[in-house]
């Protein structure tokens, strides 16, 4: 008598039917994948994932120049006139001691006004224009006018006011409000333009140096 393993799902009336062999079947040998497996790389700490030299460098900001608005020019002129007023207030009390010192006060004012004109020509910026980020340049190539031409520009404005009782002075100052290139009349005489968009300087000794 041969022994047959017990089948819990077989009833007493069922006959054993030979069937396919069941049980574990040997699988074919394992073969590596077609693409190589990448090597293991340990994760880096968070502070080392992006080094300073690997950080994106922002593009440098370009200076956007434009014609100076009328309000900007008025603001720069008020600063310059405040400096001239300070010179007069500083020298003015000396005139109380002698009538001969009256001419000294006038010469001091003319010297200060001429120096501001020289700054506008030599480096393109008087103290007021430096604080407002403005610059006086040539129409032709954008270079500075030069000290002598800067003085001529200031003298032309004074002549316009002196010969017309101040009427042409006011017209020259208002002209940039409607001029396409924002030029004043004394700018047109020396072919100059006032440009805005430069960095604003801080108040200090450097704005008074040529």
N, C-alpha and C. Protein backbone atom coordinates (compact mmCIF):
# COMPACT_ATOMS: atom_id res chain seq x y z
N UNK A 1 0.87 -1.18 0.00
CA UNK A 1 0.00 0.00 0.00
C UNK A 1 0.90 1.21 0.00
N UNK A 2 0.57 2.19 -0.93
CA UNK A 2 1.36 3.42 -0.99
C UNK A 2 0.66 4.52 -0.20
N UNK A 3 1.49 5.41 0.30
CA UNK A 3 0.93 6.49 1.12
C UNK A 3 0.68 7.70 0.26
N UNK A 4 -0.50 8.32 0.50
CA UNK A 4 -0.89 9.52 -0.25
C UNK A 4 -1.09 10.64 0.74
N UNK A 5 -0.53 11.78 0.48
CA UNK A 5 -0.70 12.89 1.44
C UNK A 5 -2.15 13.30 1.54
N UNK A 6 -2.55 13.69 2.74
CA UNK A 6 -3.92 14.05 3.00
C UNK A 6 -4.26 15.38 2.35
N UNK A 7 -5.42 15.37 1.67
CA UNK A 7 -5.91 16.62 1.04
C UNK A 7 -7.11 17.07 1.82
N UNK A 8 -7.03 18.20 2.52
CA UNK A 8 -8.19 18.62 3.33
C UNK A 8 -9.40 18.97 2.51
N UNK A 9 -9.27 19.27 1.20
CA UNK A 9 -10.42 19.65 0.37
C UNK A 9 -10.99 18.45 -0.39
N UNK A 10 -10.54 17.25 -0.11
CA UNK A 10 -11.02 16.06 -0.83
C UNK A 10 -12.08 15.36 -0.01
N UNK A 11 -13.17 15.02 -0.67
CA UNK A 11 -14.25 14.29 0.00
C UNK A 11 -14.00 12.81 -0.11
N UNK A 12 -14.68 12.03 0.75
CA UNK A 12 -14.44 10.56 0.70
C UNK A 12 -14.78 9.93 -0.62
N UNK A 13 -15.70 10.46 -1.40
CA UNK A 13 -16.09 9.83 -2.66
C UNK A 13 -15.24 10.21 -3.82
N UNK A 14 -14.36 11.18 -3.65
CA UNK A 14 -13.52 11.63 -4.78
C UNK A 14 -12.38 10.65 -4.98
N UNK A 15 -12.03 10.50 -6.25
CA UNK A 15 -10.90 9.65 -6.60
C UNK A 15 -9.72 10.55 -6.94
N UNK A 16 -8.62 10.07 -6.63
CA UNK A 16 -7.40 10.84 -6.91
C UNK A 16 -7.15 10.91 -8.38
N UNK A 17 -7.03 12.08 -8.87
CA UNK A 17 -6.78 12.29 -10.31
C UNK A 17 -5.36 12.82 -10.46
N UNK A 18 -4.60 12.10 -11.21
CA UNK A 18 -3.22 12.63 -11.37
C UNK A 18 -3.22 13.97 -12.09
N UNK A 19 -2.47 14.86 -11.63
CA UNK A 19 -2.40 16.21 -12.22
C UNK A 19 -0.98 16.69 -12.29
N UNK A 20 -0.84 17.91 -12.66
CA UNK A 20 0.53 18.45 -12.78
C UNK A 20 1.19 18.56 -11.43
N UNK A 21 2.47 18.44 -11.43
CA UNK A 21 3.21 18.50 -10.19
C UNK A 21 3.14 19.90 -9.61
N UNK A 22 2.81 20.02 -8.34
CA UNK A 22 2.71 21.30 -7.65
C UNK A 22 3.85 21.40 -6.66
N UNK A 23 4.11 22.66 -6.26
CA UNK A 23 5.18 22.88 -5.30
C UNK A 23 6.17 23.89 -5.82
N UNK A 24 7.23 24.10 -5.11
CA UNK A 24 8.22 25.11 -5.55
C UNK A 24 8.88 24.72 -6.84
N UNK A 25 9.07 25.73 -7.67
CA UNK A 25 9.69 25.53 -8.98
C UNK A 25 10.97 26.36 -9.02
N UNK A 26 12.04 25.77 -9.48
CA UNK A 26 13.30 26.51 -9.57
C UNK A 26 13.20 27.61 -10.62
N UNK A 27 13.57 28.88 -10.25
CA UNK A 27 13.57 30.01 -11.17
C UNK A 27 14.86 30.06 -11.95
N UNK A 28 14.84 30.70 -13.09
CA UNK A 28 16.10 30.80 -13.85
C UNK A 28 17.13 31.62 -13.08
N UNK A 29 18.37 31.46 -13.37
CA UNK A 29 19.41 32.22 -12.65
C UNK A 29 19.20 33.72 -12.81
N UNK A 30 19.55 34.51 -11.74
CA UNK A 30 19.39 35.98 -11.77
C UNK A 30 20.44 36.60 -12.66
N UNK A 31 20.00 37.53 -13.48
CA UNK A 31 20.93 38.24 -14.36
C UNK A 31 20.84 39.74 -14.07
N UNK A 32 21.98 40.47 -14.09
CA UNK A 32 21.96 41.91 -13.77
C UNK A 32 21.20 42.69 -14.83
N UNK A 33 20.66 43.87 -14.45
CA UNK A 33 19.93 44.70 -15.43
C UNK A 33 20.88 45.21 -16.51
N UNK A 34 20.26 45.66 -17.59
CA UNK A 34 21.06 46.14 -18.73
C UNK A 34 21.84 47.40 -18.37
N UNK A 35 21.23 48.34 -17.61
CA UNK A 35 21.92 49.57 -17.22
C UNK A 35 22.61 49.36 -15.88
N UNK A 36 23.80 49.94 -15.69
CA UNK A 36 24.50 49.74 -14.42
C UNK A 36 23.79 50.45 -13.28
N UNK A 37 23.89 49.89 -12.12
CA UNK A 37 23.28 50.47 -10.93
C UNK A 37 24.17 51.60 -10.44
N UNK A 38 23.62 52.81 -10.25
CA UNK A 38 24.47 53.91 -9.76
C UNK A 38 25.00 53.63 -8.38
N UNK A 39 26.21 54.12 -8.14
CA UNK A 39 26.84 53.92 -6.83
C UNK A 39 26.16 54.81 -5.80
N UNK A 40 26.23 54.41 -4.59
CA UNK A 40 25.57 55.13 -3.50
C UNK A 40 26.38 56.37 -3.14
N UNK A 41 25.70 57.50 -3.04
CA UNK A 41 26.32 58.76 -2.63
C UNK A 41 25.63 59.22 -1.36
N UNK A 42 26.36 59.36 -0.27
CA UNK A 42 25.70 59.77 0.99
C UNK A 42 25.17 61.19 0.87
N UNK A 43 24.03 61.50 1.45
CA UNK A 43 23.47 62.87 1.39
C UNK A 43 24.36 63.86 2.12
N UNK A 44 24.46 65.09 1.55
CA UNK A 44 25.27 66.13 2.15
C UNK A 44 24.44 66.92 3.15
N UNK A 45 25.09 67.47 4.16
CA UNK A 45 24.35 68.36 5.09
C UNK A 45 23.74 69.54 4.36
N UNK A 46 22.71 70.10 4.97
CA UNK A 46 21.99 71.18 4.30
C UNK A 46 22.88 72.38 4.02
N UNK A 47 23.79 72.69 4.95
CA UNK A 47 24.63 73.87 4.77
C UNK A 47 25.71 73.67 3.74
N UNK A 48 25.93 72.40 3.29
CA UNK A 48 26.94 72.14 2.27
C UNK A 48 26.35 71.89 0.90
N UNK A 49 25.04 71.86 0.80
CA UNK A 49 24.43 71.57 -0.49
C UNK A 49 24.64 72.69 -1.50
N UNK A 50 24.73 73.92 -1.04
CA UNK A 50 24.92 75.06 -1.95
C UNK A 50 26.03 75.93 -1.38
N UNK A 51 27.18 75.84 -2.00
CA UNK A 51 28.32 76.61 -1.56
C UNK A 51 28.17 78.05 -2.03
N UNK A 52 28.82 79.00 -1.34
CA UNK A 52 28.72 80.40 -1.78
C UNK A 52 29.18 80.62 -3.21
N UNK A 53 30.23 79.86 -3.64
CA UNK A 53 30.69 80.06 -5.01
C UNK A 53 29.74 79.48 -6.04
N UNK A 54 28.86 78.54 -5.58
CA UNK A 54 27.88 77.96 -6.50
C UNK A 54 26.59 78.76 -6.55
N UNK A 55 26.42 79.71 -5.65
CA UNK A 55 25.17 80.47 -5.61
C UNK A 55 25.07 81.36 -6.85
N UNK A 56 23.87 81.51 -7.38
CA UNK A 56 23.72 82.37 -8.57
C UNK A 56 24.07 83.82 -8.26
N UNK A 57 24.80 84.43 -9.14
CA UNK A 57 25.24 85.82 -8.96
C UNK A 57 24.24 86.73 -9.65
N UNK A 58 23.62 87.66 -8.93
CA UNK A 58 22.66 88.55 -9.59
C UNK A 58 23.34 89.43 -10.62
N UNK A 59 22.61 89.73 -11.67
CA UNK A 59 23.15 90.58 -12.73
C UNK A 59 23.34 91.99 -12.21
N UNK A 60 24.43 92.66 -12.61
CA UNK A 60 24.65 94.03 -12.14
C UNK A 60 23.57 94.97 -12.64
N UNK A 61 23.17 95.87 -11.76
CA UNK A 61 22.14 96.82 -12.13
C UNK A 61 22.74 97.93 -12.99
N UNK A 62 22.11 98.16 -14.10
CA UNK A 62 22.58 99.19 -15.01
C UNK A 62 21.92 100.53 -14.67
N UNK A 63 22.73 101.56 -14.78
CA UNK A 63 22.22 102.89 -14.51
C UNK A 63 21.33 103.34 -15.68
N UNK A 64 20.09 103.73 -15.38
CA UNK A 64 19.16 104.19 -16.40
C UNK A 64 19.12 105.71 -16.35
N UNK A 65 19.75 106.33 -17.33
CA UNK A 65 19.82 107.78 -17.38
C UNK A 65 18.61 108.33 -18.12
N UNK A 66 18.24 109.53 -17.77
CA UNK A 66 17.10 110.20 -18.41
C UNK A 66 17.29 111.70 -18.22
N UNK A 67 16.51 112.47 -18.95
CA UNK A 67 16.54 113.92 -18.76
C UNK A 67 15.98 114.27 -17.39
N UNK A 68 16.64 115.17 -16.72
CA UNK A 68 16.20 115.57 -15.37
C UNK A 68 14.86 116.30 -15.45
N UNK A 69 13.95 115.96 -14.56
CA UNK A 69 12.66 116.63 -14.49
C UNK A 69 12.84 118.05 -13.94
N UNK A 70 11.83 118.87 -14.21
CA UNK A 70 11.89 120.26 -13.75
C UNK A 70 11.95 120.33 -12.23
N UNK A 71 11.17 119.49 -11.55
CA UNK A 71 11.18 119.49 -10.09
C UNK A 71 12.54 119.10 -9.52
N UNK A 72 13.20 118.14 -10.14
CA UNK A 72 14.53 117.74 -9.67
C UNK A 72 15.54 118.87 -9.83
N UNK A 73 15.44 119.58 -10.94
CA UNK A 73 16.36 120.70 -11.16
C UNK A 73 16.10 121.82 -10.16
N UNK A 74 14.83 122.08 -9.86
CA UNK A 74 14.51 123.11 -8.87
C UNK A 74 15.05 122.71 -7.50
N UNK A 75 14.91 121.44 -7.12
CA UNK A 75 15.43 120.99 -5.84
C UNK A 75 16.93 121.17 -5.73
N UNK A 76 17.66 120.83 -6.81
CA UNK A 76 19.11 121.01 -6.80
C UNK A 76 19.48 122.49 -6.73
N UNK A 77 18.74 123.33 -7.43
CA UNK A 77 19.03 124.77 -7.42
C UNK A 77 18.77 125.38 -6.04
N UNK A 78 17.73 124.90 -5.35
CA UNK A 78 17.45 125.42 -4.01
C UNK A 78 18.60 125.11 -3.05
N UNK A 79 19.20 123.92 -3.20
CA UNK A 79 20.35 123.59 -2.35
C UNK A 79 21.51 124.52 -2.65
N UNK A 80 21.77 124.77 -3.92
CA UNK A 80 22.89 125.66 -4.29
C UNK A 80 22.64 127.09 -3.81
N UNK A 81 21.42 127.57 -3.95
CA UNK A 81 21.12 128.93 -3.50
C UNK A 81 21.17 129.03 -1.96
N UNK A 82 20.85 127.94 -1.29
CA UNK A 82 20.98 127.94 0.17
C UNK A 82 22.45 128.06 0.58
N UNK A 83 23.34 127.45 -0.20
CA UNK A 83 24.77 127.59 0.07
C UNK A 83 25.22 129.03 -0.15
N UNK A 84 24.76 129.65 -1.24
CA UNK A 84 25.10 131.04 -1.50
C UNK A 84 24.55 131.95 -0.40
N UNK A 85 23.35 131.67 0.06
CA UNK A 85 22.77 132.46 1.15
C UNK A 85 23.60 132.31 2.43
N UNK A 86 24.11 131.11 2.65
CA UNK A 86 24.96 130.90 3.82
C UNK A 86 26.23 131.71 3.75
N UNK A 87 26.79 131.84 2.54
CA UNK A 87 27.99 132.67 2.39
C UNK A 87 27.68 134.13 2.71
N UNK A 88 26.54 134.60 2.22
CA UNK A 88 26.16 135.99 2.49
C UNK A 88 25.93 136.22 3.98
N UNK A 89 25.27 135.28 4.64
CA UNK A 89 25.01 135.43 6.07
C UNK A 89 26.30 135.35 6.89
N UNK A 90 27.29 134.63 6.35
CA UNK A 90 28.55 134.52 7.06
C UNK A 90 29.38 135.79 6.93
N UNK A 91 29.37 136.39 5.73
CA UNK A 91 30.20 137.57 5.49
C UNK A 91 29.43 138.85 5.80
N UNK A 92 28.11 138.80 5.76
CA UNK A 92 27.29 140.00 5.93
C UNK A 92 27.54 140.77 7.20
N UNK A 93 27.64 140.12 8.35
CA UNK A 93 27.86 140.90 9.59
C UNK A 93 29.13 141.73 9.58
N UNK A 94 30.10 141.35 8.74
CA UNK A 94 31.34 142.13 8.70
C UNK A 94 31.11 143.52 8.13
N UNK A 95 30.06 143.70 7.33
CA UNK A 95 29.80 145.00 6.71
C UNK A 95 29.37 146.04 7.74
N UNK A 96 29.00 145.62 8.93
CA UNK A 96 28.59 146.58 9.97
C UNK A 96 29.76 147.36 10.53
N UNK A 97 30.95 146.85 10.37
CA UNK A 97 32.13 147.52 10.90
C UNK A 97 32.71 148.56 9.95
N UNK A 98 32.46 148.37 8.65
CA UNK A 98 33.04 149.29 7.68
C UNK A 98 32.26 149.20 6.38
N UNK A 99 32.11 150.36 5.73
CA UNK A 99 31.43 150.37 4.43
C UNK A 99 32.29 149.71 3.36
N UNK A 100 33.57 149.69 3.58
CA UNK A 100 34.46 149.06 2.59
C UNK A 100 34.26 147.56 2.51
N UNK A 101 33.70 146.98 3.57
CA UNK A 101 33.48 145.53 3.58
C UNK A 101 32.24 145.13 2.78
N UNK A 102 31.44 146.12 2.34
CA UNK A 102 30.28 145.78 1.50
C UNK A 102 30.72 145.11 0.21
N UNK A 103 31.77 145.65 -0.38
CA UNK A 103 32.28 145.05 -1.61
C UNK A 103 32.84 143.67 -1.36
N UNK A 104 33.37 143.45 -0.13
CA UNK A 104 33.89 142.12 0.21
C UNK A 104 32.78 141.09 0.22
N UNK A 105 31.61 141.46 0.75
CA UNK A 105 30.48 140.54 0.76
C UNK A 105 30.02 140.22 -0.66
N UNK A 106 30.00 141.26 -1.52
CA UNK A 106 29.62 141.03 -2.91
C UNK A 106 30.60 140.13 -3.63
N UNK A 107 31.90 140.34 -3.38
CA UNK A 107 32.91 139.50 -4.01
C UNK A 107 32.83 138.06 -3.51
N UNK A 108 32.52 137.89 -2.24
CA UNK A 108 32.38 136.54 -1.69
C UNK A 108 31.22 135.80 -2.36
N UNK A 109 30.12 136.54 -2.56
CA UNK A 109 28.96 135.90 -3.22
C UNK A 109 29.30 135.53 -4.66
N UNK A 110 29.97 136.44 -5.40
CA UNK A 110 30.33 136.14 -6.78
C UNK A 110 31.32 134.97 -6.85
N UNK A 111 32.27 134.93 -5.91
CA UNK A 111 33.23 133.84 -5.90
C UNK A 111 32.55 132.50 -5.64
N UNK A 112 31.59 132.49 -4.71
CA UNK A 112 30.87 131.24 -4.41
C UNK A 112 30.02 130.81 -5.60
N UNK A 113 29.33 131.76 -6.24
CA UNK A 113 28.51 131.42 -7.41
C UNK A 113 29.38 130.92 -8.55
N UNK A 114 30.54 131.57 -8.76
CA UNK A 114 31.44 131.11 -9.81
C UNK A 114 31.98 129.72 -9.52
N UNK A 115 32.25 129.45 -8.25
CA UNK A 115 32.77 128.13 -7.89
C UNK A 115 31.73 127.03 -8.13
N UNK A 116 30.47 127.32 -7.82
CA UNK A 116 29.42 126.34 -8.10
C UNK A 116 29.29 126.10 -9.60
N UNK A 117 29.41 127.19 -10.39
CA UNK A 117 29.40 127.01 -11.83
C UNK A 117 30.58 126.18 -12.31
N UNK A 118 31.75 126.39 -11.69
CA UNK A 118 32.93 125.61 -12.04
C UNK A 118 32.71 124.11 -11.74
N UNK A 119 32.09 123.83 -10.61
CA UNK A 119 31.81 122.43 -10.27
C UNK A 119 30.86 121.80 -11.28
N UNK A 120 29.85 122.55 -11.71
CA UNK A 120 28.92 122.03 -12.73
C UNK A 120 29.64 121.71 -14.04
N UNK A 121 30.72 122.47 -14.32
CA UNK A 121 31.45 122.21 -15.56
C UNK A 121 32.54 121.18 -15.40
N UNK A 122 33.29 121.22 -14.29
CA UNK A 122 34.45 120.34 -14.14
C UNK A 122 34.06 118.89 -13.89
N UNK A 123 33.10 118.66 -12.99
CA UNK A 123 32.69 117.29 -12.71
C UNK A 123 31.20 117.05 -13.00
N UNK A 124 30.53 118.10 -13.49
CA UNK A 124 29.12 117.95 -13.87
C UNK A 124 28.14 118.08 -12.74
N UNK A 125 28.61 118.30 -11.53
CA UNK A 125 27.71 118.32 -10.38
C UNK A 125 28.09 119.41 -9.39
N UNK A 126 27.19 120.33 -9.15
CA UNK A 126 27.28 121.22 -8.01
C UNK A 126 26.82 120.44 -6.78
N UNK A 127 26.97 120.98 -5.57
CA UNK A 127 26.48 120.24 -4.40
C UNK A 127 25.01 119.85 -4.49
N UNK A 128 24.17 120.75 -5.00
CA UNK A 128 22.76 120.42 -5.13
C UNK A 128 22.51 119.29 -6.11
N UNK A 129 23.20 119.31 -7.23
CA UNK A 129 23.01 118.24 -8.23
C UNK A 129 23.57 116.92 -7.73
N UNK A 130 24.67 116.97 -6.97
CA UNK A 130 25.21 115.72 -6.42
C UNK A 130 24.22 115.07 -5.45
N UNK A 131 23.57 115.89 -4.62
CA UNK A 131 22.59 115.35 -3.67
C UNK A 131 21.36 114.81 -4.38
N UNK A 132 21.01 115.38 -5.54
CA UNK A 132 19.82 114.94 -6.28
C UNK A 132 20.13 113.88 -7.33
N UNK A 133 21.39 113.53 -7.52
CA UNK A 133 21.74 112.53 -8.53
C UNK A 133 21.66 113.06 -9.95
N UNK A 134 21.92 114.36 -10.16
CA UNK A 134 21.88 114.98 -11.47
C UNK A 134 23.29 115.27 -11.95
N UNK A 135 23.42 115.48 -13.26
CA UNK A 135 24.73 115.79 -13.83
C UNK A 135 24.55 116.60 -15.09
N UNK A 136 25.41 117.61 -15.27
CA UNK A 136 25.41 118.45 -16.47
C UNK A 136 26.40 117.86 -17.47
N UNK A 137 25.95 117.55 -18.68
CA UNK A 137 26.81 116.92 -19.68
C UNK A 137 26.64 117.65 -21.02
N UNK A 138 27.57 117.37 -21.92
CA UNK A 138 27.48 117.91 -23.28
C UNK A 138 26.42 117.16 -24.09
N UNK A 139 25.76 117.87 -24.97
CA UNK A 139 24.79 117.22 -25.84
C UNK A 139 25.46 116.26 -26.81
N UNK A 140 26.67 116.60 -27.26
CA UNK A 140 27.30 115.84 -28.34
C UNK A 140 27.71 114.44 -27.90
N UNK A 141 28.43 114.34 -26.76
CA UNK A 141 29.00 113.05 -26.38
C UNK A 141 28.76 112.66 -24.94
N UNK A 142 28.04 113.46 -24.16
CA UNK A 142 27.78 113.11 -22.78
C UNK A 142 28.92 113.35 -21.82
N UNK A 143 29.98 114.02 -22.27
CA UNK A 143 31.10 114.33 -21.39
C UNK A 143 30.82 115.59 -20.58
N UNK A 144 31.68 115.89 -19.62
CA UNK A 144 31.50 117.10 -18.83
C UNK A 144 31.89 118.33 -19.65
N UNK A 145 31.36 119.48 -19.24
CA UNK A 145 31.57 120.71 -20.01
C UNK A 145 32.98 121.27 -19.83
N UNK A 146 33.57 121.04 -18.68
CA UNK A 146 34.81 121.70 -18.33
C UNK A 146 34.52 122.90 -17.44
N UNK A 147 35.45 123.21 -16.55
CA UNK A 147 35.24 124.28 -15.59
C UNK A 147 34.91 125.63 -16.20
N UNK A 148 35.69 126.12 -17.19
CA UNK A 148 35.39 127.44 -17.78
C UNK A 148 34.01 127.50 -18.42
N UNK A 149 33.61 126.46 -19.13
CA UNK A 149 32.29 126.46 -19.76
C UNK A 149 31.20 126.43 -18.70
N UNK A 150 31.47 125.76 -17.59
CA UNK A 150 30.49 125.76 -16.50
C UNK A 150 30.29 127.14 -15.92
N UNK A 151 31.37 127.92 -15.82
CA UNK A 151 31.24 129.30 -15.34
C UNK A 151 30.48 130.14 -16.35
N UNK A 152 30.76 129.96 -17.64
CA UNK A 152 30.03 130.70 -18.68
C UNK A 152 28.54 130.38 -18.61
N UNK A 153 28.20 129.13 -18.37
CA UNK A 153 26.79 128.74 -18.25
C UNK A 153 26.11 129.49 -17.12
N UNK A 154 26.79 129.62 -15.97
CA UNK A 154 26.21 130.33 -14.84
C UNK A 154 26.12 131.83 -15.12
N UNK A 155 27.14 132.38 -15.79
CA UNK A 155 27.13 133.82 -16.11
C UNK A 155 26.01 134.15 -17.08
N UNK A 156 25.75 133.26 -18.03
CA UNK A 156 24.67 133.51 -19.00
C UNK A 156 23.33 133.63 -18.29
N UNK A 157 23.11 132.80 -17.29
CA UNK A 157 21.85 132.89 -16.54
C UNK A 157 21.76 134.21 -15.80
N UNK A 158 22.87 134.68 -15.24
CA UNK A 158 22.86 135.96 -14.52
C UNK A 158 22.64 137.12 -15.48
N UNK A 159 23.24 137.03 -16.67
CA UNK A 159 23.05 138.11 -17.66
C UNK A 159 21.60 138.16 -18.12
N UNK A 160 20.99 136.98 -18.34
CA UNK A 160 19.59 136.96 -18.76
C UNK A 160 18.70 137.65 -17.74
N UNK A 161 18.98 137.44 -16.48
CA UNK A 161 18.17 138.08 -15.46
C UNK A 161 18.47 139.55 -15.30
N UNK A 162 19.76 139.92 -15.42
CA UNK A 162 20.12 141.32 -15.21
C UNK A 162 19.66 142.23 -16.31
N UNK A 163 19.69 141.79 -17.56
CA UNK A 163 19.32 142.64 -18.69
C UNK A 163 17.82 142.80 -18.85
N UNK A 164 17.05 141.90 -18.31
CA UNK A 164 15.59 141.94 -18.51
C UNK A 164 14.83 142.14 -17.21
N UNK A 165 15.53 142.59 -16.17
CA UNK A 165 14.84 142.81 -14.90
C UNK A 165 14.31 141.54 -14.27
N UNK A 166 14.94 140.42 -14.55
CA UNK A 166 14.53 139.16 -13.95
C UNK A 166 13.53 138.37 -14.76
N UNK A 167 12.95 138.99 -15.82
CA UNK A 167 11.91 138.30 -16.60
C UNK A 167 12.50 137.11 -17.34
N UNK A 168 13.62 137.33 -18.03
CA UNK A 168 14.23 136.25 -18.79
C UNK A 168 14.83 135.19 -17.85
N UNK A 169 15.21 135.60 -16.65
CA UNK A 169 15.69 134.63 -15.66
C UNK A 169 14.58 133.64 -15.31
N UNK A 170 13.40 134.17 -15.03
CA UNK A 170 12.26 133.30 -14.70
C UNK A 170 11.90 132.42 -15.89
N UNK A 171 11.93 132.99 -17.11
CA UNK A 171 11.61 132.19 -18.29
C UNK A 171 12.65 131.09 -18.51
N UNK A 172 13.92 131.42 -18.26
CA UNK A 172 14.97 130.42 -18.43
C UNK A 172 14.82 129.28 -17.43
N UNK A 173 14.40 129.60 -16.20
CA UNK A 173 14.23 128.58 -15.18
C UNK A 173 13.02 127.70 -15.47
N UNK A 174 11.95 128.28 -16.03
CA UNK A 174 10.73 127.53 -16.33
C UNK A 174 10.82 126.73 -17.62
N UNK A 175 11.79 127.05 -18.47
CA UNK A 175 11.84 126.45 -19.81
C UNK A 175 11.90 124.91 -19.79
N UNK A 176 12.63 124.27 -18.87
CA UNK A 176 12.66 122.80 -18.88
C UNK A 176 11.32 122.14 -18.65
N UNK A 177 10.33 122.88 -18.15
CA UNK A 177 9.03 122.26 -17.87
C UNK A 177 8.33 121.81 -19.14
N UNK A 178 8.61 122.46 -20.29
CA UNK A 178 7.95 122.06 -21.54
C UNK A 178 8.95 121.71 -22.65
N UNK A 179 10.21 121.85 -22.41
CA UNK A 179 11.21 121.54 -23.43
C UNK A 179 11.34 120.03 -23.59
N UNK A 180 11.43 119.50 -24.84
CA UNK A 180 11.55 118.04 -25.03
C UNK A 180 12.78 117.44 -24.37
N UNK A 181 13.89 118.17 -24.34
CA UNK A 181 15.12 117.68 -23.73
C UNK A 181 15.32 118.21 -22.31
N UNK A 182 14.28 118.85 -21.75
CA UNK A 182 14.33 119.40 -20.40
C UNK A 182 15.46 120.41 -20.23
N UNK A 183 15.79 121.14 -21.28
CA UNK A 183 16.87 122.11 -21.22
C UNK A 183 16.36 123.48 -20.80
N UNK A 184 17.16 124.18 -20.00
CA UNK A 184 16.91 125.59 -19.73
C UNK A 184 17.59 126.42 -20.81
N UNK A 185 17.28 127.72 -20.83
CA UNK A 185 17.83 128.56 -21.89
C UNK A 185 19.35 128.66 -21.80
N UNK A 186 19.90 128.75 -20.59
CA UNK A 186 21.35 128.82 -20.48
C UNK A 186 22.01 127.48 -20.80
N UNK A 187 21.25 126.38 -20.75
CA UNK A 187 21.77 125.10 -21.22
C UNK A 187 21.93 125.12 -22.74
N UNK A 188 20.95 125.68 -23.42
CA UNK A 188 20.99 125.71 -24.88
C UNK A 188 22.14 126.58 -25.39
N UNK A 189 22.50 127.62 -24.64
CA UNK A 189 23.57 128.50 -25.08
C UNK A 189 24.89 127.74 -25.18
N UNK A 190 25.16 126.85 -24.22
CA UNK A 190 26.43 126.11 -24.20
C UNK A 190 26.24 124.66 -24.64
N UNK A 191 25.08 124.32 -25.21
CA UNK A 191 24.79 122.96 -25.69
C UNK A 191 24.98 121.92 -24.59
N UNK A 192 24.30 122.15 -23.48
CA UNK A 192 24.39 121.24 -22.34
C UNK A 192 23.02 120.65 -22.02
N UNK A 193 23.02 119.55 -21.32
CA UNK A 193 21.81 118.88 -20.88
C UNK A 193 22.01 118.39 -19.46
N UNK A 194 20.99 118.50 -18.63
CA UNK A 194 21.05 117.99 -17.26
C UNK A 194 20.38 116.61 -17.25
N UNK A 195 21.14 115.61 -16.81
CA UNK A 195 20.71 114.22 -16.84
C UNK A 195 20.51 113.72 -15.42
N UNK A 196 19.50 112.88 -15.22
CA UNK A 196 19.20 112.29 -13.92
C UNK A 196 19.44 110.79 -13.97
N UNK A 197 19.53 110.18 -12.80
CA UNK A 197 19.70 108.74 -12.70
C UNK A 197 21.01 108.31 -12.07
N UNK A 198 21.85 109.26 -11.69
CA UNK A 198 23.12 108.93 -11.04
C UNK A 198 22.88 108.69 -9.54
N UNK A 199 23.78 107.94 -8.89
CA UNK A 199 23.61 107.73 -7.43
C UNK A 199 23.65 109.05 -6.67
N UNK A 200 22.78 109.18 -5.71
CA UNK A 200 22.74 110.40 -4.91
C UNK A 200 23.86 110.38 -3.87
N UNK A 201 24.58 111.47 -3.80
CA UNK A 201 25.68 111.59 -2.84
C UNK A 201 25.15 111.98 -1.47
N UNK A 202 25.90 111.65 -0.45
CA UNK A 202 25.57 112.09 0.90
C UNK A 202 26.20 113.45 1.16
N UNK A 203 25.54 114.20 2.01
CA UNK A 203 26.06 115.52 2.32
C UNK A 203 27.38 115.38 3.08
N UNK A 204 28.39 116.04 2.55
CA UNK A 204 29.71 115.98 3.17
C UNK A 204 30.71 116.81 2.38
N UNK A 205 31.94 116.74 2.78
CA UNK A 205 32.98 117.57 2.17
C UNK A 205 33.18 117.24 0.72
N UNK A 206 32.93 115.97 0.33
CA UNK A 206 33.24 115.55 -1.03
C UNK A 206 32.38 116.23 -2.07
N UNK A 207 31.17 116.68 -1.72
CA UNK A 207 30.32 117.32 -2.73
C UNK A 207 30.77 118.73 -3.05
N UNK A 208 31.68 119.29 -2.24
CA UNK A 208 32.20 120.61 -2.49
C UNK A 208 33.56 120.60 -3.19
N UNK A 209 34.10 119.41 -3.40
CA UNK A 209 35.41 119.30 -4.04
C UNK A 209 35.26 119.14 -5.54
N UNK A 210 36.19 119.71 -6.35
CA UNK A 210 36.09 119.58 -7.81
C UNK A 210 36.42 118.16 -8.27
